[in-house]
Amino acid sequence: MTEETLFEFPCQFPIKAMGKADIELDLLVVEIVRRHVPDINEGAVTARPSKDGNFMAITVTVEASSKQQLDAIYQDLTDHPHILIAL
């Protein structure tokens, strides 16, 4: 039985991770995502600080090839102690 998904793969998929702003969160998130998507396009990474500047949201848009790939990325992100949430 195949797993149902609303996405057609491959597709462009934004992955967002949030954490404290006191570390180089963008480098950490890109390093984790690169384990699963080796070629991340230039301009695929955006960073936005929270209103008070304590937290940072990093978005990496990738060419996703499967639901399993996305699940693995999210698992690695949420397993890391510096990542507070992954969306």
PDB file of N, CA and C in Angstrom:
ATOM      1  N   MET A   1       0.846  -1.190   0.000  1.00  0.00           N
ATOM      2  CA  MET A   1       0.000   0.000   0.000  1.00  0.00           C
ATOM      3  C   MET A   1       0.887   1.248   0.000  1.00  0.00           C
ATOM      4  N   THR A   2       0.595   2.184  -0.866  1.00  0.00           N
ATOM      5  CA  THR A   2       1.387   3.405  -0.917  1.00  0.00           C
ATOM      6  C   THR A   2       0.796   4.437   0.025  1.00  0.00           C
ATOM      7  N   GLU A   3       1.666   5.256   0.553  1.00  0.00           N
ATOM      8  CA  GLU A   3       1.246   6.286   1.486  1.00  0.00           C
ATOM      9  C   GLU A   3       0.667   7.468   0.705  1.00  0.00           C
ATOM     10  N   GLU A   4      -0.499   7.928   1.138  1.00  0.00           N
ATOM     11  CA  GLU A   4      -1.149   9.047   0.463  1.00  0.00           C
ATOM     12  C   GLU A   4      -0.527  10.363   0.918  1.00  0.00           C
ATOM     13  N   THR A   5      -0.346  11.256  -0.005  1.00  0.00           N
ATOM     14  CA  THR A   5       0.161  12.589   0.309  1.00  0.00           C
ATOM     15  C   THR A   5      -0.513  13.593  -0.613  1.00  0.00           C
ATOM     16  N   LEU A   6      -0.609  14.826  -0.150  1.00  0.00           N
ATOM     17  CA  LEU A   6      -1.237  15.870  -0.951  1.00  0.00           C
ATOM     18  C   LEU A   6      -0.265  16.490  -1.943  1.00  0.00           C
ATOM     19  N   PHE A   7       1.012  16.134  -1.822  1.00  0.00           N
ATOM     20  CA  PHE A   7       2.040  16.715  -2.675  1.00  0.00           C
ATOM     21  C   PHE A   7       2.367  15.799  -3.841  1.00  0.00           C
ATOM     22  N   GLU A   8       2.724  16.423  -4.944  1.00  0.00           N
ATOM     23  CA  GLU A   8       3.270  15.681  -6.082  1.00  0.00           C
ATOM     24  C   GLU A   8       4.763  15.913  -6.071  1.00  0.00           C
ATOM     25  N   PHE A   9       5.507  14.836  -6.014  1.00  0.00           N
ATOM     26  CA  PHE A   9       6.968  14.956  -5.961  1.00  0.00           C
ATOM     27  C   PHE A   9       7.565  14.716  -7.326  1.00  0.00           C
ATOM     28  N   PRO A  10       8.668  15.372  -7.653  1.00  0.00           N
ATOM     29  CA  PRO A  10       9.357  16.377  -6.846  1.00  0.00           C
ATOM     30  C   PRO A  10       8.601  17.702  -6.825  1.00  0.00           C
ATOM     31  N   CYS A  11       8.848  18.470  -5.751  1.00  0.00           N
ATOM     32  CA  CYS A  11       8.212  19.784  -5.629  1.00  0.00           C
ATOM     33  C   CYS A  11       9.078  20.703  -4.786  1.00  0.00           C
ATOM     34  N   GLN A  12       8.863  22.001  -4.950  1.00  0.00           N
ATOM     35  CA  GLN A  12       9.529  22.991  -4.105  1.00  0.00           C
ATOM     36  C   GLN A  12       8.814  22.987  -2.759  1.00  0.00           C
ATOM     37  N   PHE A  13       9.579  22.860  -1.681  1.00  0.00           N
ATOM     38  CA  PHE A  13       8.967  22.743  -0.362  1.00  0.00           C
ATOM     39  C   PHE A  13       9.741  23.598   0.646  1.00  0.00           C
ATOM     40  N   PRO A  14       9.066  24.559   1.304  1.00  0.00           N
ATOM     41  CA  PRO A  14       9.743  25.377   2.311  1.00  0.00           C
ATOM     42  C   PRO A  14       9.764  24.672   3.666  1.00  0.00           C
ATOM     43  N   ILE A  15      10.944  24.578   4.249  1.00  0.00           N
ATOM     44  CA  ILE A  15      11.111  23.987   5.568  1.00  0.00           C
ATOM     45  C   ILE A  15      11.501  25.122   6.508  1.00  0.00           C
ATOM     46  N   LYS A  16      10.748  25.284   7.591  1.00  0.00           N
ATOM     47  CA  LYS A  16      11.028  26.372   8.527  1.00  0.00           C
ATOM     48  C   LYS A  16      11.434  25.779   9.868  1.00  0.00           C
ATOM     49  N   ALA A  17      12.501  26.343  10.432  1.00  0.00           N
ATOM     50  CA  ALA A  17      12.960  25.935  11.757  1.00  0.00           C
ATOM     51  C   ALA A  17      13.176  27.182  12.596  1.00  0.00           C
ATOM     52  N   MET A  18      12.852  27.073  13.871  1.00  0.00           N
ATOM     53  CA  MET A  18      13.010  28.212  14.767  1.00  0.00           C
ATOM     54  C   MET A  18      13.883  27.826  15.946  1.00  0.00           C
ATOM     55  N   GLY A  19      14.657  28.803  16.409  1.00  0.00           N
ATOM     56  CA  GLY A  19      15.517  28.585  17.560  1.00  0.00           C
ATOM     57  C   GLY A  19      15.964  29.912  18.125  1.00  0.00           C
ATOM     58  N   LYS A  20      16.788  29.837  19.170  1.00  0.00           N
ATOM     59  CA  LYS A  20      17.305  31.058  19.793  1.00  0.00           C
ATOM     60  C   LYS A  20      18.229  31.784  18.826  1.00  0.00           C
ATOM     61  N   ALA A  21      18.215  33.101  18.897  1.00  0.00           N
ATOM     62  CA  ALA A  21      18.976  33.920  17.958  1.00  0.00           C
ATOM     63  C   ALA A  21      20.450  34.035  18.332  1.00  0.00           C
ATOM     64  N   ASP A  22      20.848  33.444  19.463  1.00  0.00           N
ATOM     65  CA  ASP A  22      22.225  33.631  19.918  1.00  0.00           C
ATOM     66  C   ASP A  22      23.229  32.650  19.303  1.00  0.00           C
ATOM     67  N   ILE A  23      22.790  31.818  18.378  1.00  0.00           N
ATOM     68  CA  ILE A  23      23.714  30.913  17.679  1.00  0.00           C
ATOM     69  C   ILE A  23      23.572  31.148  16.179  1.00  0.00           C
ATOM     70  N   GLU A  24      24.489  30.601  15.410  1.00  0.00           N
ATOM     71  CA  GLU A  24      24.387  30.725  13.945  1.00  0.00           C
ATOM     72  C   GLU A  24      23.381  29.686  13.449  1.00  0.00           C
ATOM     73  N   LEU A  25      22.132  29.959  13.732  1.00  0.00           N
ATOM     74  CA  LEU A  25      21.058  29.016  13.452  1.00  0.00           C
ATOM     75  C   LEU A  25      20.931  28.704  11.963  1.00  0.00           C
ATOM     76  N   ASP A  26      21.146  29.728  11.108  1.00  0.00           N
ATOM     77  CA  ASP A  26      21.014  29.489   9.676  1.00  0.00           C
ATOM     78  C   ASP A  26      22.014  28.428   9.199  1.00  0.00           C
ATOM     79  N   LEU A  27      23.251  28.491   9.684  1.00  0.00           N
ATOM     80  CA  LEU A  27      24.252  27.497   9.281  1.00  0.00           C
ATOM     81  C   LEU A  27      23.885  26.110   9.785  1.00  0.00           C
ATOM     82  N   LEU A  28      23.375  26.043  11.006  1.00  0.00           N
ATOM     83  CA  LEU A  28      22.972  24.769  11.585  1.00  0.00           C
ATOM     84  C   LEU A  28      21.829  24.141  10.784  1.00  0.00           C
ATOM     85  N   VAL A  29      20.810  24.922  10.489  1.00  0.00           N
ATOM     86  CA  VAL A  29      19.648  24.404   9.757  1.00  0.00           C
ATOM     87  C   VAL A  29      20.065  23.937   8.362  1.00  0.00           C
ATOM     88  N   VAL A  30      20.867  24.731   7.672  1.00  0.00           N
ATOM     89  CA  VAL A  30      21.321  24.352   6.332  1.00  0.00           C
ATOM     90  C   VAL A  30      22.151  23.066   6.394  1.00  0.00           C
ATOM     91  N   GLU A  31      23.006  22.947   7.400  1.00  0.00           N
ATOM     92  CA  GLU A  31      23.817  21.736   7.544  1.00  0.00           C
ATOM     93  C   GLU A  31      22.931  20.498   7.715  1.00  0.00           C
ATOM     94  N   ILE A  32      21.895  20.609   8.531  1.00  0.00           N
ATOM     95  CA  ILE A  32      20.983  19.475   8.758  1.00  0.00           C
ATOM     96  C   ILE A  32      20.209  19.149   7.485  1.00  0.00           C
ATOM     97  N   VAL A  33      19.665  20.165   6.822  1.00  0.00           N
ATOM     98  CA  VAL A  33      18.875  19.930   5.602  1.00  0.00           C
ATOM     99  C   VAL A  33      19.753  19.337   4.503  1.00  0.00           C
ATOM    100  N   ARG A  34      21.018  19.782   4.431  1.00  0.00           N
ATOM    101  CA  ARG A  34      21.945  19.296   3.386  1.00  0.00           C
ATOM    102  C   ARG A  34      22.230  17.801   3.486  1.00  0.00           C
ATOM    103  N   ARG A  35      22.046  17.221   4.668  1.00  0.00           N
ATOM    104  CA  ARG A  35      22.221  15.770   4.816  1.00  0.00           C
ATOM    105  C   ARG A  35      21.246  15.015   3.914  1.00  0.00           C
ATOM    106  N   HIS A  36      20.111  15.643   3.644  1.00  0.00           N
ATOM    107  CA  HIS A  36      19.038  14.999   2.874  1.00  0.00           C
ATOM    108  C   HIS A  36      18.868  15.596   1.486  1.00  0.00           C
ATOM    109  N   VAL A  37      19.270  16.851   1.314  1.00  0.00           N
ATOM    110  CA  VAL A  37      19.171  17.551   0.028  1.00  0.00           C
ATOM    111  C   VAL A  37      20.528  18.209  -0.210  1.00  0.00           C
ATOM    112  N   PRO A  38      21.444  17.505  -0.878  1.00  0.00           N
ATOM    113  CA  PRO A  38      22.806  18.024  -1.016  1.00  0.00           C
ATOM    114  C   PRO A  38      22.907  19.363  -1.744  1.00  0.00           C
ATOM    115  N   ASP A  39      22.112  19.575  -2.787  1.00  0.00           N
ATOM    116  CA  ASP A  39      22.230  20.851  -3.503  1.00  0.00           C
ATOM    117  C   ASP A  39      21.074  21.773  -3.139  1.00  0.00           C
ATOM    118  N   ILE A  40      21.395  22.720  -2.286  1.00  0.00           N
ATOM    119  CA  ILE A  40      20.445  23.767  -1.911  1.00  0.00           C
ATOM    120  C   ILE A  40      20.798  24.976  -2.760  1.00  0.00           C
ATOM    121  N   ASN A  41      19.828  25.477  -3.500  1.00  0.00           N
ATOM    122  CA  ASN A  41      20.065  26.607  -4.412  1.00  0.00           C
ATOM    123  C   ASN A  41      20.421  27.878  -3.669  1.00  0.00           C
ATOM    124  N   GLU A  42      21.203  28.701  -4.335  1.00  0.00           N
ATOM    125  CA  GLU A  42      21.526  30.013  -3.786  1.00  0.00           C
ATOM    126  C   GLU A  42      20.217  30.796  -3.657  1.00  0.00           C
ATOM    127  N   GLY A  43      20.056  31.463  -2.566  1.00  0.00           N
ATOM    128  CA  GLY A  43      18.824  32.219  -2.352  1.00  0.00           C
ATOM    129  C   GLY A  43      17.704  31.394  -1.764  1.00  0.00           C
ATOM    130  N   ALA A  44      17.955  30.121  -1.473  1.00  0.00           N
ATOM    131  CA  ALA A  44      16.917  29.244  -0.936  1.00  0.00           C
ATOM    132  C   ALA A  44      16.744  29.401   0.572  1.00  0.00           C
ATOM    133  N   VAL A  45      17.655  30.142   1.201  1.00  0.00           N
ATOM    134  CA  VAL A  45      17.634  30.285   2.658  1.00  0.00           C
ATOM    135  C   VAL A  45      17.287  31.719   3.033  1.00  0.00           C
ATOM    136  N   THR A  46      16.274  31.862   3.892  1.00  0.00           N
ATOM    137  CA  THR A  46      15.920  33.176   4.403  1.00  0.00           C
ATOM    138  C   THR A  46      15.885  33.106   5.931  1.00  0.00           C
ATOM    139  N   ALA A  47      16.184  34.225   6.575  1.00  0.00           N
ATOM    140  CA  ALA A  47      16.181  34.302   8.035  1.00  0.00           C
ATOM    141  C   ALA A  47      15.367  35.509   8.464  1.00  0.00           C
ATOM    142  N   ARG A  48      14.583  35.300   9.521  1.00  0.00           N
ATOM    143  CA  ARG A  48      13.768  36.394  10.067  1.00  0.00           C
ATOM    144  C   ARG A  48      13.822  36.369  11.579  1.00  0.00           C
ATOM    145  N   PRO A  49      14.239  37.464  12.192  1.00  0.00           N
ATOM    146  CA  PRO A  49      14.251  37.502  13.660  1.00  0.00           C
ATOM    147  C   PRO A  49      12.832  37.713  14.207  1.00  0.00           C
ATOM    148  N   SER A  50      12.625  37.266  15.436  1.00  0.00           N
ATOM    149  CA  SER A  50      11.342  37.532  16.095  1.00  0.00           C
ATOM    150  C   SER A  50      11.266  39.015  16.437  1.00  0.00           C
ATOM    151  N   LYS A  51      10.084  39.460  16.829  1.00  0.00           N
ATOM    152  CA  LYS A  51       9.868  40.879  17.102  1.00  0.00           C
ATOM    153  C   LYS A  51      10.836  41.399  18.164  1.00  0.00           C
ATOM    154  N   ASP A  52      11.077  40.609  19.202  1.00  0.00           N
ATOM    155  CA  ASP A  52      11.969  41.059  20.269  1.00  0.00           C
ATOM    156  C   ASP A  52      13.427  40.667  20.034  1.00  0.00           C
ATOM    157  N   GLY A  53      13.699  39.930  18.944  1.00  0.00           N
ATOM    158  CA  GLY A  53      15.065  39.596  18.592  1.00  0.00           C
ATOM    159  C   GLY A  53      15.673  38.412  19.331  1.00  0.00           C
ATOM    160  N   ASN A  54      14.892  37.743  20.176  1.00  0.00           N
ATOM    161  CA  ASN A  54      15.418  36.603  20.937  1.00  0.00           C
ATOM    162  C   ASN A  54      15.454  35.312  20.125  1.00  0.00           C
ATOM    163  N   PHE A  55      14.592  35.218  19.118  1.00  0.00           N
ATOM    164  CA  PHE A  55      14.481  33.996  18.328  1.00  0.00           C
ATOM    165  C   PHE A  55      14.687  34.298  16.854  1.00  0.00           C
ATOM    166  N   MET A  56      14.982  33.260  16.094  1.00  0.00           N
ATOM    167  CA  MET A  56      15.218  33.397  14.663  1.00  0.00           C
ATOM    168  C   MET A  56      14.440  32.290  13.951  1.00  0.00           C
ATOM    169  N   ALA A  57      13.810  32.648  12.828  1.00  0.00           N
ATOM    170  CA  ALA A  57      13.133  31.670  11.979  1.00  0.00           C
ATOM    171  C   ALA A  57      13.943  31.546  10.689  1.00  0.00           C
ATOM    172  N   ILE A  58      14.340  30.338  10.373  1.00  0.00           N
ATOM    173  CA  ILE A  58      15.110  30.065   9.167  1.00  0.00           C
ATOM    174  C   ILE A  58      14.232  29.240   8.236  1.00  0.00           C
ATOM    175  N   THR A  59      14.087  29.683   7.000  1.00  0.00           N
ATOM    176  CA  THR A  59      13.332  28.935   6.000  1.00  0.00           C
ATOM    177  C   THR A  59      14.284  28.505   4.893  1.00  0.00           C
ATOM    178  N   VAL A  60      14.258  27.208   4.584  1.00  0.00           N
ATOM    179  CA  VAL A  60      15.068  26.656   3.501  1.00  0.00           C
ATOM    180  C   VAL A  60      14.096  26.024   2.511  1.00  0.00           C
ATOM    181  N   THR A  61      14.078  26.523   1.284  1.00  0.00           N
ATOM    182  CA  THR A  61      13.210  25.956   0.262  1.00  0.00           C
ATOM    183  C   THR A  61      14.023  24.954  -0.539  1.00  0.00           C
ATOM    184  N   VAL A  62      13.535  23.703  -0.562  1.00  0.00           N
ATOM    185  CA  VAL A  62      14.269  22.615  -1.208  1.00  0.00           C
ATOM    186  C   VAL A  62      13.423  21.970  -2.296  1.00  0.00           C
ATOM    187  N   GLU A  63      14.083  21.249  -3.155  1.00  0.00           N
ATOM    188  CA  GLU A  63      13.409  20.397  -4.145  1.00  0.00           C
ATOM    189  C   GLU A  63      13.204  19.050  -3.456  1.00  0.00           C
ATOM    190  N   ALA A  64      12.004  18.828  -2.938  1.00  0.00           N
ATOM    191  CA  ALA A  64      11.713  17.604  -2.196  1.00  0.00           C
ATOM    192  C   ALA A  64      11.380  16.475  -3.165  1.00  0.00           C
ATOM    193  N   SER A  65      11.931  15.300  -2.885  1.00  0.00           N
ATOM    194  CA  SER A  65      11.699  14.167  -3.784  1.00  0.00           C
ATOM    195  C   SER A  65      10.701  13.150  -3.242  1.00  0.00           C
ATOM    196  N   SER A  66      10.433  13.176  -1.917  1.00  0.00           N
ATOM    197  CA  SER A  66       9.476  12.215  -1.356  1.00  0.00           C
ATOM    198  C   SER A  66       9.051  12.646   0.042  1.00  0.00           C
ATOM    199  N   LYS A  67       7.942  12.071   0.491  1.00  0.00           N
ATOM    200  CA  LYS A  67       7.468  12.318   1.853  1.00  0.00           C
ATOM    201  C   LYS A  67       8.480  11.767   2.853  1.00  0.00           C
ATOM    202  N   GLN A  68       9.093  10.630   2.551  1.00  0.00           N
ATOM    203  CA  GLN A  68      10.086  10.032   3.436  1.00  0.00           C
ATOM    204  C   GLN A  68      11.275  10.981   3.636  1.00  0.00           C
ATOM    205  N   GLN A  69      11.688  11.639   2.552  1.00  0.00           N
ATOM    206  CA  GLN A  69      12.793  12.596   2.636  1.00  0.00           C
ATOM    207  C   GLN A  69      12.408  13.746   3.577  1.00  0.00           C
ATOM    208  N   LEU A  70      11.213  14.290   3.415  1.00  0.00           N
ATOM    209  CA  LEU A  70      10.762  15.385   4.272  1.00  0.00           C
ATOM    210  C   LEU A  70      10.648  14.931   5.722  1.00  0.00           C
ATOM    211  N   ASP A  71      10.108  13.734   5.946  1.00  0.00           N
ATOM    212  CA  ASP A  71       9.997  13.200   7.304  1.00  0.00           C
ATOM    213  C   ASP A  71      11.368  13.098   7.957  1.00  0.00           C
ATOM    214  N   ALA A  72      12.360  12.647   7.204  1.00  0.00           N
ATOM    215  CA  ALA A  72      13.723  12.502   7.732  1.00  0.00           C
ATOM    216  C   ALA A  72      14.322  13.865   8.077  1.00  0.00           C
ATOM    217  N   ILE A  73      14.079  14.867   7.230  1.00  0.00           N
ATOM    218  CA  ILE A  73      14.577  16.219   7.507  1.00  0.00           C
ATOM    219  C   ILE A  73      13.962  16.747   8.800  1.00  0.00           C
ATOM    220  N   TYR A  74      12.640  16.634   8.915  1.00  0.00           N
ATOM    221  CA  TYR A  74      11.966  17.128  10.112  1.00  0.00           C
ATOM    222  C   TYR A  74      12.420  16.382  11.358  1.00  0.00           C
ATOM    223  N   GLN A  75      12.658  15.083  11.242  1.00  0.00           N
ATOM    224  CA  GLN A  75      13.125  14.298  12.386  1.00  0.00           C
ATOM    225  C   GLN A  75      14.492  14.796  12.850  1.00  0.00           C
ATOM    226  N   ASP A  76      15.408  14.999  11.903  1.00  0.00           N
ATOM    227  CA  ASP A  76      16.746  15.492  12.254  1.00  0.00           C
ATOM    228  C   ASP A  76      16.685  16.892  12.864  1.00  0.00           C
ATOM    229  N   LEU A  77      15.826  17.746  12.314  1.00  0.00           N
ATOM    230  CA  LEU A  77      15.702  19.102  12.856  1.00  0.00           C
ATOM    231  C   LEU A  77      15.161  19.067  14.282  1.00  0.00           C
ATOM    232  N   THR A  78      14.090  18.320  14.512  1.00  0.00           N
ATOM    233  CA  THR A  78      13.482  18.311  15.845  1.00  0.00           C
ATOM    234  C   THR A  78      14.351  17.575  16.864  1.00  0.00           C
ATOM    235  N   ASP A  79      15.230  16.693  16.395  1.00  0.00           N
ATOM    236  CA  ASP A  79      16.137  15.984  17.311  1.00  0.00           C
ATOM    237  C   ASP A  79      17.262  16.882  17.823  1.00  0.00           C
ATOM    238  N   HIS A  80      17.553  17.976  17.109  1.00  0.00           N
ATOM    239  CA  HIS A  80      18.665  18.838  17.498  1.00  0.00           C
ATOM    240  C   HIS A  80      18.256  19.748  18.659  1.00  0.00           C
ATOM    241  N   PRO A  81      19.085  19.839  19.708  1.00  0.00           N
ATOM    242  CA  PRO A  81      18.702  20.632  20.894  1.00  0.00           C
ATOM    243  C   PRO A  81      18.558  22.139  20.635  1.00  0.00           C
ATOM    244  N   HIS A  82      19.199  22.694  19.601  1.00  0.00           N
ATOM    245  CA  HIS A  82      19.091  24.126  19.324  1.00  0.00           C
ATOM    246  C   HIS A  82      17.852  24.477  18.495  1.00  0.00           C
ATOM    247  N   ILE A  83      17.208  23.482  17.929  1.00  0.00           N
ATOM    248  CA  ILE A  83      15.991  23.727  17.136  1.00  0.00           C
ATOM    249  C   ILE A  83      14.794  23.588  18.067  1.00  0.00           C
ATOM    250  N   LEU A  84      14.052  24.670  18.246  1.00  0.00           N
ATOM    251  CA  LEU A  84      12.905  24.642  19.152  1.00  0.00           C
ATOM    252  C   LEU A  84      11.664  24.095  18.463  1.00  0.00           C
ATOM    253  N   ILE A  85      11.502  24.406  17.180  1.00  0.00           N
ATOM    254  CA  ILE A  85      10.327  23.933  16.439  1.00  0.00           C
ATOM    255  C   ILE A  85      10.676  23.867  14.957  1.00  0.00           C
ATOM    256  N   ALA A  86      10.083  22.909  14.277  1.00  0.00           N
ATOM    257  CA  ALA A  86      10.251  22.798  12.823  1.00  0.00           C
ATOM    258  C   ALA A  86       8.870  22.695  12.204  1.00  0.00           C
ATOM    259  N   LEU A  87       8.627  23.486  11.171  1.00  0.00           N
ATOM    260  CA  LEU A  87       7.309  23.528  10.515  1.00  0.00           C
ATOM    261  C   LEU A  87       7.448  23.189   9.044  1.00  0.00           C
TER     262      LEU A  87
END
